[in-house]
């Protein structure tokens, strides 16, 4: 998929990647997908008490954090989960 990030170890494109508007949503595995899904679904996103230590979720791109993209992201997550089942990754 053009624009999809590659795995830094293998150099191969991520198998679980899909377009969301002008962006690409990619995940390493189903645990990563679950984490992003929980973040996107959350209506209250609390910050860490140690602002100098960024969590994985704090490093997400701004477009994933925007509530305006929630519906499109949840559709993409659903499609990625189905793709994982079809390809035997689930």
N, C-alpha and C. Protein backbone atom coordinates (compact mmCIF):
# COMPACT_ATOMS: atom_id res chain seq x y z
N UNK A 1 0.85 -1.17 0.00
CA UNK A 1 0.00 0.00 0.00
C UNK A 1 0.90 1.23 0.00
N UNK A 2 0.76 2.10 -0.98
CA UNK A 2 1.60 3.29 -1.04
C UNK A 2 1.45 4.15 0.21
N UNK A 3 2.56 4.58 0.76
CA UNK A 3 2.54 5.44 1.93
C UNK A 3 2.50 4.69 3.25
N UNK A 4 2.31 3.37 3.20
CA UNK A 4 2.28 2.60 4.44
C UNK A 4 3.68 2.53 5.02
N UNK A 5 3.74 2.60 6.31
CA UNK A 5 5.03 2.50 6.99
C UNK A 5 5.57 1.08 6.86
N UNK A 6 6.87 0.96 6.89
CA UNK A 6 7.52 -0.35 6.86
C UNK A 6 8.00 -0.71 8.25
N UNK A 7 8.02 -2.00 8.52
CA UNK A 7 8.57 -2.49 9.77
C UNK A 7 10.06 -2.16 9.81
N UNK A 8 10.54 -1.54 10.89
CA UNK A 8 11.95 -1.14 10.93
C UNK A 8 12.92 -2.32 10.98
N UNK A 9 12.47 -3.48 11.41
CA UNK A 9 13.34 -4.64 11.51
C UNK A 9 13.45 -5.36 10.17
N UNK A 10 12.30 -5.70 9.58
CA UNK A 10 12.31 -6.47 8.34
C UNK A 10 12.35 -5.59 7.09
N UNK A 11 11.90 -4.34 7.21
CA UNK A 11 11.83 -3.46 6.06
C UNK A 11 10.61 -3.71 5.19
N UNK A 12 9.81 -4.70 5.58
CA UNK A 12 8.60 -5.03 4.82
C UNK A 12 7.43 -4.16 5.27
N UNK A 13 6.47 -3.93 4.36
CA UNK A 13 5.30 -3.14 4.76
C UNK A 13 4.45 -3.91 5.78
N UNK A 14 3.79 -3.16 6.62
CA UNK A 14 2.89 -3.78 7.59
C UNK A 14 1.73 -4.43 6.85
N UNK A 15 1.34 -5.64 7.28
CA UNK A 15 0.22 -6.34 6.67
C UNK A 15 -1.11 -5.69 7.06
N UNK A 16 -1.16 -5.14 8.26
CA UNK A 16 -2.40 -4.52 8.73
C UNK A 16 -2.28 -3.00 8.56
N UNK A 17 -2.63 -2.54 7.37
CA UNK A 17 -2.59 -1.11 7.06
C UNK A 17 -3.76 -0.78 6.15
N UNK A 18 -4.33 0.41 6.33
CA UNK A 18 -5.45 0.85 5.51
C UNK A 18 -5.48 2.37 5.43
N UNK A 19 -6.10 2.87 4.39
CA UNK A 19 -6.23 4.31 4.22
C UNK A 19 -7.37 4.84 5.09
N UNK A 20 -7.12 6.00 5.67
CA UNK A 20 -8.15 6.74 6.41
C UNK A 20 -8.05 8.18 5.91
N UNK A 21 -8.90 8.53 4.96
CA UNK A 21 -8.78 9.84 4.34
C UNK A 21 -7.45 9.94 3.61
N UNK A 22 -6.67 10.96 3.94
CA UNK A 22 -5.36 11.16 3.30
C UNK A 22 -4.24 10.47 4.07
N UNK A 23 -4.59 9.72 5.09
CA UNK A 23 -3.59 9.12 5.98
C UNK A 23 -3.61 7.60 5.87
N UNK A 24 -2.58 6.99 6.43
CA UNK A 24 -2.50 5.53 6.51
C UNK A 24 -2.50 5.14 7.98
N UNK A 25 -3.41 4.25 8.34
CA UNK A 25 -3.43 3.67 9.69
C UNK A 25 -2.77 2.30 9.57
N UNK A 26 -1.70 2.09 10.32
CA UNK A 26 -1.03 0.79 10.32
C UNK A 26 -0.84 0.36 11.76
N UNK A 27 -0.87 -0.95 11.95
CA UNK A 27 -0.64 -1.52 13.28
C UNK A 27 0.29 -2.71 13.14
N UNK A 28 1.04 -2.96 14.19
CA UNK A 28 1.99 -4.08 14.18
C UNK A 28 1.32 -5.43 14.39
N UNK A 29 0.28 -5.44 15.23
CA UNK A 29 -0.40 -6.69 15.57
C UNK A 29 -1.76 -6.36 16.19
N UNK A 30 -2.49 -7.39 16.61
CA UNK A 30 -3.83 -7.16 17.16
C UNK A 30 -3.80 -6.44 18.50
N UNK A 31 -2.76 -6.64 19.29
CA UNK A 31 -2.64 -5.90 20.55
C UNK A 31 -2.50 -4.40 20.27
N UNK A 32 -1.72 -4.06 19.27
CA UNK A 32 -1.55 -2.67 18.87
C UNK A 32 -2.88 -2.10 18.37
N UNK A 33 -3.62 -2.90 17.60
CA UNK A 33 -4.94 -2.49 17.11
C UNK A 33 -5.90 -2.27 18.28
N UNK A 34 -5.89 -3.17 19.26
CA UNK A 34 -6.75 -3.02 20.44
C UNK A 34 -6.43 -1.73 21.20
N UNK A 35 -5.16 -1.42 21.33
CA UNK A 35 -4.72 -0.22 22.04
C UNK A 35 -5.22 1.04 21.34
N UNK A 36 -5.05 1.09 20.04
CA UNK A 36 -5.50 2.26 19.29
C UNK A 36 -7.02 2.36 19.31
N UNK A 37 -7.70 1.23 19.20
CA UNK A 37 -9.16 1.25 19.25
C UNK A 37 -9.67 1.78 20.58
N UNK A 38 -9.08 1.34 21.67
CA UNK A 38 -9.49 1.82 22.99
C UNK A 38 -9.26 3.32 23.12
N UNK A 39 -8.15 3.79 22.57
CA UNK A 39 -7.85 5.23 22.63
C UNK A 39 -8.86 6.03 21.81
N UNK A 40 -9.16 5.56 20.61
CA UNK A 40 -10.08 6.28 19.74
C UNK A 40 -11.48 6.30 20.34
N UNK A 41 -11.91 5.21 20.96
CA UNK A 41 -13.25 5.13 21.56
C UNK A 41 -13.38 5.97 22.83
N UNK A 42 -12.29 6.22 23.50
CA UNK A 42 -12.33 6.93 24.79
C UNK A 42 -12.82 8.36 24.60
N UNK A 43 -13.74 8.77 25.47
CA UNK A 43 -14.22 10.16 25.42
C UNK A 43 -13.41 11.04 26.35
N UNK A 44 -12.73 10.44 27.32
CA UNK A 44 -11.86 11.18 28.24
C UNK A 44 -10.47 10.57 28.14
N UNK A 45 -9.51 11.37 27.74
CA UNK A 45 -8.13 10.90 27.58
C UNK A 45 -7.26 11.62 28.59
N UNK A 46 -6.89 10.91 29.64
CA UNK A 46 -6.10 11.51 30.72
C UNK A 46 -4.63 11.51 30.37
N UNK A 47 -3.94 12.54 30.81
CA UNK A 47 -2.50 12.65 30.57
C UNK A 47 -1.73 12.03 31.72
N UNK A 48 -0.51 11.66 31.44
CA UNK A 48 0.37 11.11 32.46
C UNK A 48 0.80 12.21 33.43
N UNK A 49 1.14 11.83 34.64
CA UNK A 49 1.60 12.81 35.63
C UNK A 49 3.05 13.22 35.39
N UNK A 50 3.74 12.48 34.54
CA UNK A 50 5.14 12.78 34.23
C UNK A 50 5.22 13.25 32.78
N UNK A 51 5.07 14.55 32.55
CA UNK A 51 5.00 15.03 31.17
C UNK A 51 6.27 14.82 30.36
N UNK A 52 7.39 14.54 31.00
CA UNK A 52 8.62 14.32 30.25
C UNK A 52 8.69 12.91 29.68
N UNK A 53 7.86 12.01 30.16
CA UNK A 53 7.84 10.64 29.66
C UNK A 53 6.60 10.44 28.80
N UNK A 54 6.80 10.36 27.49
CA UNK A 54 5.68 10.19 26.59
C UNK A 54 5.30 8.71 26.49
N UNK A 55 4.01 8.45 26.56
CA UNK A 55 3.53 7.09 26.38
C UNK A 55 3.38 6.82 24.89
N UNK A 56 3.16 5.57 24.57
CA UNK A 56 2.92 5.20 23.18
C UNK A 56 1.75 5.98 22.61
N UNK A 57 0.70 6.12 23.39
CA UNK A 57 -0.49 6.83 22.91
C UNK A 57 -0.23 8.32 22.73
N UNK A 58 0.62 8.89 23.54
CA UNK A 58 0.93 10.31 23.41
C UNK A 58 1.68 10.59 22.12
N UNK A 59 2.33 9.56 21.58
CA UNK A 59 3.11 9.72 20.34
C UNK A 59 2.27 9.52 19.08
N UNK A 60 1.00 9.20 19.24
CA UNK A 60 0.16 9.00 18.06
C UNK A 60 0.08 10.28 17.24
N UNK A 61 -0.08 10.15 15.93
CA UNK A 61 -0.22 11.35 15.10
C UNK A 61 -1.47 12.14 15.49
N UNK A 62 -1.41 13.44 15.27
CA UNK A 62 -2.52 14.33 15.66
C UNK A 62 -3.83 13.92 14.99
N UNK A 63 -3.79 13.45 13.76
CA UNK A 63 -5.03 13.11 13.06
C UNK A 63 -5.76 11.94 13.74
N UNK A 64 -5.03 11.06 14.41
CA UNK A 64 -5.68 9.96 15.13
C UNK A 64 -6.32 10.49 16.41
N UNK A 65 -5.76 11.51 16.98
CA UNK A 65 -6.26 12.07 18.24
C UNK A 65 -7.49 12.95 18.06
N UNK A 66 -7.76 13.40 16.84
CA UNK A 66 -8.89 14.30 16.61
C UNK A 66 -10.22 13.56 16.70
N UNK A 67 -11.12 14.09 17.51
CA UNK A 67 -12.44 13.49 17.65
C UNK A 67 -13.20 13.49 16.32
N UNK A 68 -12.91 14.45 15.46
CA UNK A 68 -13.58 14.54 14.16
C UNK A 68 -13.31 13.31 13.29
N UNK A 69 -12.21 12.61 13.54
CA UNK A 69 -11.85 11.44 12.75
C UNK A 69 -12.30 10.13 13.40
N UNK A 70 -12.96 10.21 14.53
CA UNK A 70 -13.33 9.01 15.30
C UNK A 70 -14.12 8.00 14.47
N UNK A 71 -15.15 8.44 13.78
CA UNK A 71 -15.98 7.52 13.01
C UNK A 71 -15.20 6.81 11.91
N UNK A 72 -14.42 7.57 11.15
CA UNK A 72 -13.61 6.98 10.07
C UNK A 72 -12.57 6.02 10.63
N UNK A 73 -11.97 6.38 11.76
CA UNK A 73 -10.97 5.50 12.38
C UNK A 73 -11.60 4.20 12.87
N UNK A 74 -12.77 4.28 13.47
CA UNK A 74 -13.42 3.06 13.96
C UNK A 74 -13.80 2.14 12.82
N UNK A 75 -14.22 2.71 11.69
CA UNK A 75 -14.51 1.89 10.50
C UNK A 75 -13.23 1.21 10.01
N UNK A 76 -12.14 1.97 9.96
CA UNK A 76 -10.87 1.42 9.51
C UNK A 76 -10.39 0.31 10.45
N UNK A 77 -10.56 0.51 11.75
CA UNK A 77 -10.16 -0.49 12.74
C UNK A 77 -10.97 -1.77 12.54
N UNK A 78 -12.26 -1.60 12.30
CA UNK A 78 -13.13 -2.77 12.05
C UNK A 78 -12.65 -3.53 10.80
N UNK A 79 -12.30 -2.78 9.75
CA UNK A 79 -11.80 -3.40 8.52
C UNK A 79 -10.47 -4.10 8.74
N UNK A 80 -9.59 -3.50 9.53
CA UNK A 80 -8.30 -4.14 9.82
C UNK A 80 -8.49 -5.42 10.63
N UNK A 81 -9.43 -5.40 11.55
CA UNK A 81 -9.70 -6.61 12.35
C UNK A 81 -10.22 -7.73 11.44
N UNK A 82 -11.11 -7.38 10.51
CA UNK A 82 -11.63 -8.37 9.56
C UNK A 82 -10.51 -8.89 8.65
N UNK A 83 -9.63 -8.01 8.24
CA UNK A 83 -8.49 -8.41 7.39
C UNK A 83 -7.58 -9.38 8.16
N UNK A 84 -7.39 -9.12 9.44
CA UNK A 84 -6.56 -10.01 10.27
C UNK A 84 -7.17 -11.40 10.33
N UNK A 85 -8.48 -11.48 10.43
CA UNK A 85 -9.17 -12.79 10.47
C UNK A 85 -9.04 -13.47 9.11
N UNK A 86 -9.27 -12.72 8.03
CA UNK A 86 -9.19 -13.31 6.68
C UNK A 86 -7.81 -13.84 6.35
N UNK A 87 -6.79 -13.14 6.81
CA UNK A 87 -5.41 -13.53 6.47
C UNK A 87 -4.78 -14.48 7.51
N UNK A 88 -5.55 -14.83 8.54
CA UNK A 88 -5.04 -15.77 9.52
C UNK A 88 -4.15 -15.16 10.59
N UNK A 89 -4.17 -13.83 10.70
CA UNK A 89 -3.36 -13.17 11.73
C UNK A 89 -4.08 -13.10 13.07
N UNK A 90 -5.36 -13.41 13.07
CA UNK A 90 -6.15 -13.35 14.32
C UNK A 90 -6.37 -14.73 14.88
